PDB file of N, CA and C in Angstrom:
ATOM      1  N   MET A   1      10.638 -12.780   8.794  1.00  0.00           N
ATOM      2  CA  MET A   1       9.691 -12.667   7.702  1.00  0.00           C
ATOM      3  C   MET A   1       8.557 -11.709   8.052  1.00  0.00           C
ATOM      4  N   LYS A   2       8.061 -11.842   9.292  1.00  0.00           N
ATOM      5  CA  LYS A   2       6.940 -11.002   9.708  1.00  0.00           C
ATOM      6  C   LYS A   2       7.277  -9.512   9.688  1.00  0.00           C
ATOM      7  N   PRO A   3       8.439  -9.096  10.191  1.00  0.00           N
ATOM      8  CA  PRO A   3       8.766  -7.665  10.131  1.00  0.00           C
ATOM      9  C   PRO A   3       8.886  -7.143   8.700  1.00  0.00           C
ATOM     10  N   THR A   4       9.383  -7.980   7.799  1.00  0.00           N
ATOM     11  CA  THR A   4       9.501  -7.570   6.399  1.00  0.00           C
ATOM     12  C   THR A   4       8.124  -7.351   5.788  1.00  0.00           C
ATOM     13  N   LEU A   5       7.198  -8.276   6.047  1.00  0.00           N
ATOM     14  CA  LEU A   5       5.830  -8.127   5.541  1.00  0.00           C
ATOM     15  C   LEU A   5       5.175  -6.879   6.110  1.00  0.00           C
ATOM     16  N   MET A   6       5.460  -6.602   7.364  1.00  0.00           N
ATOM     17  CA  MET A   6       4.902  -5.417   8.016  1.00  0.00           C
ATOM     18  C   MET A   6       5.393  -4.137   7.335  1.00  0.00           C
ATOM     19  N   ILE A   7       6.672  -4.083   7.049  1.00  0.00           N
ATOM     20  CA  ILE A   7       7.253  -2.900   6.414  1.00  0.00           C
ATOM     21  C   ILE A   7       6.696  -2.713   5.009  1.00  0.00           C
ATOM     22  N   VAL A   8       6.597  -3.809   4.257  1.00  0.00           N
ATOM     23  CA  VAL A   8       6.058  -3.728   2.892  1.00  0.00           C
ATOM     24  C   VAL A   8       4.611  -3.253   2.927  1.00  0.00           C
ATOM     25  N   SER A   9       3.825  -3.768   3.876  1.00  0.00           N
ATOM     26  CA  SER A   9       2.421  -3.356   3.994  1.00  0.00           C
ATOM     27  C   SER A   9       2.295  -1.880   4.331  1.00  0.00           C
ATOM     28  N   ILE A  10       3.106  -1.414   5.234  1.00  0.00           N
ATOM     29  CA  ILE A  10       3.056  -0.006   5.634  1.00  0.00           C
ATOM     30  C   ILE A  10       3.501   0.897   4.485  1.00  0.00           C
ATOM     31  N   LEU A  11       4.491   0.466   3.726  1.00  0.00           N
ATOM     32  CA  LEU A  11       4.910   1.251   2.555  1.00  0.00           C
ATOM     33  C   LEU A  11       3.801   1.301   1.508  1.00  0.00           C
ATOM     34  N   ALA A  12       3.080   0.208   1.353  1.00  0.00           N
ATOM     35  CA  ALA A  12       1.955   0.197   0.412  1.00  0.00           C
ATOM     36  C   ALA A  12       0.882   1.183   0.858  1.00  0.00           C
ATOM     37  N   LEU A  13       0.611   1.229   2.151  1.00  0.00           N
ATOM     38  CA  LEU A  13      -0.358   2.196   2.660  1.00  0.00           C
ATOM     39  C   LEU A  13       0.126   3.629   2.457  1.00  0.00           C
ATOM     40  N   ALA A  14       1.420   3.829   2.599  1.00  0.00           N
ATOM     41  CA  ALA A  14       1.979   5.166   2.369  1.00  0.00           C
ATOM     42  C   ALA A  14       1.777   5.599   0.916  1.00  0.00           C
ATOM     43  N   VAL A  15       1.950   4.668  -0.005  1.00  0.00           N
ATOM     44  CA  VAL A  15       1.712   4.978  -1.417  1.00  0.00           C
ATOM     45  C   VAL A  15       0.256   5.362  -1.630  1.00  0.00           C
ATOM     46  N   LEU A  16      -0.650   4.671  -0.933  1.00  0.00           N
ATOM     47  CA  LEU A  16      -2.069   4.973  -1.068  1.00  0.00           C
ATOM     48  C   LEU A  16      -2.418   6.368  -0.541  1.00  0.00           C
ATOM     49  N   LEU A  17      -1.597   6.918   0.301  1.00  0.00           N
ATOM     50  CA  LEU A  17      -1.819   8.278   0.796  1.00  0.00           C
ATOM     51  C   LEU A  17      -1.080   9.331  -0.029  1.00  0.00           C
ATOM     52  N   VAL A  18       0.117   8.997  -0.487  1.00  0.00           N
ATOM     53  CA  VAL A  18       0.955   9.964  -1.184  1.00  0.00           C
ATOM     54  C   VAL A  18       0.513  10.168  -2.641  1.00  0.00           C
ATOM     55  N   ALA A  19       0.107   9.113  -3.306  1.00  0.00           N
ATOM     56  CA  ALA A  19      -0.256   9.219  -4.726  1.00  0.00           C
ATOM     57  C   ALA A  19      -1.390  10.223  -4.979  1.00  0.00           C
ATOM     58  N   PRO A  20      -2.512  10.172  -4.242  1.00  0.00           N
ATOM     59  CA  PRO A  20      -3.558  11.173  -4.487  1.00  0.00           C
ATOM     60  C   PRO A  20      -3.101  12.603  -4.161  1.00  0.00           C
ATOM     61  N   ALA A  21      -2.259  12.714  -3.148  1.00  0.00           N
ATOM     62  CA  ALA A  21      -1.740  14.042  -2.814  1.00  0.00           C
ATOM     63  C   ALA A  21      -0.872  14.577  -3.953  1.00  0.00           C
ATOM     64  N   ALA A  22      -0.109  13.683  -4.578  1.00  0.00           N
ATOM     65  CA  ALA A  22       0.724  14.105  -5.708  1.00  0.00           C
ATOM     66  C   ALA A  22      -0.135  14.560  -6.888  1.00  0.00           C
ATOM     67  N   VAL A  23      -1.259  13.906  -7.096  1.00  0.00           N
ATOM     68  CA  VAL A  23      -2.172  14.334  -8.162  1.00  0.00           C
ATOM     69  C   VAL A  23      -2.760  15.699  -7.814  1.00  0.00           C
ATOM     70  N   PHE A  24      -3.153  15.864  -6.573  1.00  0.00           N
ATOM     71  CA  PHE A  24      -3.721  17.137  -6.136  1.00  0.00           C
ATOM     72  C   PHE A  24      -2.723  18.281  -6.319  1.00  0.00           C
ATOM     73  N   LEU A  25      -1.459  17.997  -6.034  1.00  0.00           N
ATOM     74  CA  LEU A  25      -0.419  19.016  -6.186  1.00  0.00           C
ATOM     75  C   LEU A  25       0.119  19.088  -7.614  1.00  0.00           C
ATOM     76  N   GLN A  26      -0.480  18.342  -8.518  1.00  0.00           N
ATOM     77  CA  GLN A  26      -0.120  18.313  -9.930  1.00  0.00           C
ATOM     78  C   GLN A  26       1.328  17.868 -10.159  1.00  0.00           C
ATOM     79  N   LYS A  27       1.772  16.920  -9.354  1.00  0.00           N
ATOM     80  CA  LYS A  27       3.103  16.334  -9.503  1.00  0.00           C
ATOM     81  C   LYS A  27       3.040  15.006 -10.238  1.00  0.00           C
ATOM     82  N   MET A  28       1.804  14.477 -10.419  1.00  0.00           N
ATOM     83  CA  MET A  28       1.615  13.176 -11.044  1.00  0.00           C
ATOM     84  C   MET A  28       0.318  13.209 -11.847  1.00  0.00           C
ATOM     85  N   GLU A  29       0.310  12.500 -12.956  1.00  0.00           N
ATOM     86  CA  GLU A  29      -0.905  12.388 -13.769  1.00  0.00           C
ATOM     87  C   GLU A  29      -1.883  11.424 -13.102  1.00  0.00           C
ATOM     88  N   LEU A  30      -3.157  11.590 -13.388  1.00  0.00           N
ATOM     89  CA  LEU A  30      -4.190  10.752 -12.789  1.00  0.00           C
ATOM     90  C   LEU A  30      -4.024   9.285 -13.159  1.00  0.00           C
ATOM     91  N   THR A  31      -3.711   8.998 -14.416  1.00  0.00           N
ATOM     92  CA  THR A  31      -3.570   7.593 -14.827  1.00  0.00           C
ATOM     93  C   THR A  31      -2.397   6.923 -14.124  1.00  0.00           C
ATOM     94  N   THR A  32      -1.321   7.665 -13.942  1.00  0.00           N
ATOM     95  CA  THR A  32      -0.170   7.130 -13.204  1.00  0.00           C
ATOM     96  C   THR A  32      -0.556   6.853 -11.758  1.00  0.00           C
ATOM     97  N   CYS A  33      -1.322   7.755 -11.177  1.00  0.00           N
ATOM     98  CA  CYS A  33      -1.788   7.581  -9.807  1.00  0.00           C
ATOM     99  C   CYS A  33      -2.633   6.324  -9.685  1.00  0.00           C
ATOM    100  N   LYS A  34      -3.510   6.097 -10.650  1.00  0.00           N
ATOM    101  CA  LYS A  34      -4.360   4.903 -10.625  1.00  0.00           C
ATOM    102  C   LYS A  34      -3.530   3.630 -10.666  1.00  0.00           C
ATOM    103  N   HIS A  35      -2.475   3.626 -11.474  1.00  0.00           N
ATOM    104  CA  HIS A  35      -1.609   2.453 -11.550  1.00  0.00           C
ATOM    105  C   HIS A  35      -0.881   2.213 -10.232  1.00  0.00           C
ATOM    106  N   TRP A  36      -0.345   3.267  -9.639  1.00  0.00           N
ATOM    107  CA  TRP A  36       0.344   3.148  -8.361  1.00  0.00           C
ATOM    108  C   TRP A  36      -0.602   2.678  -7.262  1.00  0.00           C
ATOM    109  N   MET A  37      -1.812   3.220  -7.259  1.00  0.00           N
ATOM    110  CA  MET A  37      -2.764   2.841  -6.214  1.00  0.00           C
ATOM    111  C   MET A  37      -3.251   1.407  -6.383  1.00  0.00           C
ATOM    112  N   PHE A  38      -3.425   0.963  -7.628  1.00  0.00           N
ATOM    113  CA  PHE A  38      -3.801  -0.429  -7.855  1.00  0.00           C
ATOM    114  C   PHE A  38      -2.699  -1.366  -7.363  1.00  0.00           C
ATOM    115  N   ALA A  39      -1.463  -1.060  -7.720  1.00  0.00           N
ATOM    116  CA  ALA A  39      -0.333  -1.894  -7.290  1.00  0.00           C
ATOM    117  C   ALA A  39      -0.213  -1.908  -5.766  1.00  0.00           C
ATOM    118  N   ALA A  40      -0.358  -0.759  -5.140  1.00  0.00           N
ATOM    119  CA  ALA A  40      -0.253  -0.682  -3.684  1.00  0.00           C
ATOM    120  C   ALA A  40      -1.379  -1.455  -3.002  1.00  0.00           C
ATOM    121  N   THR A  41      -2.573  -1.421  -3.576  1.00  0.00           N
ATOM    122  CA  THR A  41      -3.697  -2.165  -3.009  1.00  0.00           C
ATOM    123  C   THR A  41      -3.450  -3.668  -3.094  1.00  0.00           C
ATOM    124  N   VAL A  42      -2.967  -4.117  -4.235  1.00  0.00           N
ATOM    125  CA  VAL A  42      -2.662  -5.542  -4.392  1.00  0.00           C
ATOM    126  C   VAL A  42      -1.577  -5.966  -3.406  1.00  0.00           C
ATOM    127  N   ILE A  43      -0.548  -5.151  -3.272  1.00  0.00           N
ATOM    128  CA  ILE A  43       0.535  -5.465  -2.333  1.00  0.00           C
ATOM    129  C   ILE A  43       0.011  -5.503  -0.906  1.00  0.00           C
ATOM    130  N   TRP A  44      -0.832  -4.551  -0.545  1.00  0.00           N
ATOM    131  CA  TRP A  44      -1.401  -4.526   0.801  1.00  0.00           C
ATOM    132  C   TRP A  44      -2.179  -5.804   1.093  1.00  0.00           C
ATOM    133  N   PHE A  45      -3.094  -6.171   0.184  1.00  0.00           N
ATOM    134  CA  PHE A  45      -3.904  -7.358   0.414  1.00  0.00           C
ATOM    135  C   PHE A  45      -3.091  -8.649   0.333  1.00  0.00           C
ATOM    136  N   ALA A  46      -1.961  -8.615  -0.340  1.00  0.00           N
ATOM    137  CA  ALA A  46      -1.114  -9.807  -0.426  1.00  0.00           C
ATOM    138  C   ALA A  46      -0.225  -9.985   0.805  1.00  0.00           C
ATOM    139  N   THR A  47       0.095  -8.890   1.497  1.00  0.00           N
ATOM    140  CA  THR A  47       1.042  -8.993   2.614  1.00  0.00           C
ATOM    141  C   THR A  47       0.399  -8.846   3.994  1.00  0.00           C
ATOM    142  N   ALA A  48      -0.606  -8.032   4.107  1.00  0.00           N
ATOM    143  CA  ALA A  48      -1.167  -7.734   5.431  1.00  0.00           C
ATOM    144  C   ALA A  48      -1.763  -8.943   6.161  1.00  0.00           C
ATOM    145  N   PRO A  49      -2.492  -9.832   5.505  1.00  0.00           N
ATOM    146  CA  PRO A  49      -3.100 -10.938   6.258  1.00  0.00           C
ATOM    147  C   PRO A  49      -2.090 -11.827   6.972  1.00  0.00           C
ATOM    148  N   PHE A  50      -0.865 -11.895   6.462  1.00  0.00           N
ATOM    149  CA  PHE A  50       0.122 -12.794   7.056  1.00  0.00           C
ATOM    150  C   PHE A  50       0.663 -12.289   8.393  1.00  0.00           C
ATOM    151  N   TRP A  51       0.702 -10.987   8.585  1.00  0.00           N
ATOM    152  CA  TRP A  51       1.192 -10.496   9.868  1.00  0.00           C
ATOM    153  C   TRP A  51       0.070 -10.001  10.765  1.00  0.00           C
ATOM    154  N   MET A  52      -1.162  -9.946  10.262  1.00  0.00           N
ATOM    155  CA  MET A  52      -2.291  -9.516  11.081  1.00  0.00           C
ATOM    156  C   MET A  52      -3.109 -10.679  11.620  1.00  0.00           C
ATOM    157  N   LYS A  53      -2.641 -11.900  11.400  1.00  0.00           N
ATOM    158  CA  LYS A  53      -3.373 -13.063  11.879  1.00  0.00           C
ATOM    159  C   LYS A  53      -3.492 -13.044  13.397  1.00  0.00           C
ATOM    160  N   ARG A  54      -4.647 -13.461  13.865  1.00  0.00           N
ATOM    161  CA  ARG A  54      -4.825 -13.609  15.305  1.00  0.00           C
ATOM    162  C   ARG A  54      -4.404 -15.012  15.695  1.00  0.00           C
ATOM    163  N   LYS A  55      -3.924 -15.132  16.914  1.00  0.00           N
ATOM    164  CA  LYS A  55      -3.551 -16.447  17.408  1.00  0.00           C
ATOM    165  C   LYS A  55      -4.800 -17.234  17.779  1.00  0.00           C
ATOM    166  N   ALA A  56      -4.754 -18.530  17.575  1.00  0.00           N
ATOM    167  CA  ALA A  56      -5.883 -19.398  17.911  1.00  0.00           C
ATOM    168  C   ALA A  56      -6.100 -19.405  19.417  1.00  0.00           C
ATOM    169  N   GLN A  57      -7.368 -19.376  19.819  1.00  0.00           N
ATOM    170  CA  GLN A  57      -7.662 -19.346  21.250  1.00  0.00           C
ATOM    171  C   GLN A  57      -7.866 -20.734  21.785  1.00  0.00           C
TER     172      GLN A  57
END
């Protein structure tokens, strides 16, 4: 489960980097970029805490 969450989180971060670049290169409309970035942000915050937990000391 943990590796799957890790992969999903990293893909969400990749979307957060690629979407603005696509707008800059005029490959994507701004509103579409906003939707993709919102979805990627929600996915990141939903998956990252589960695999980034620190162990209890």
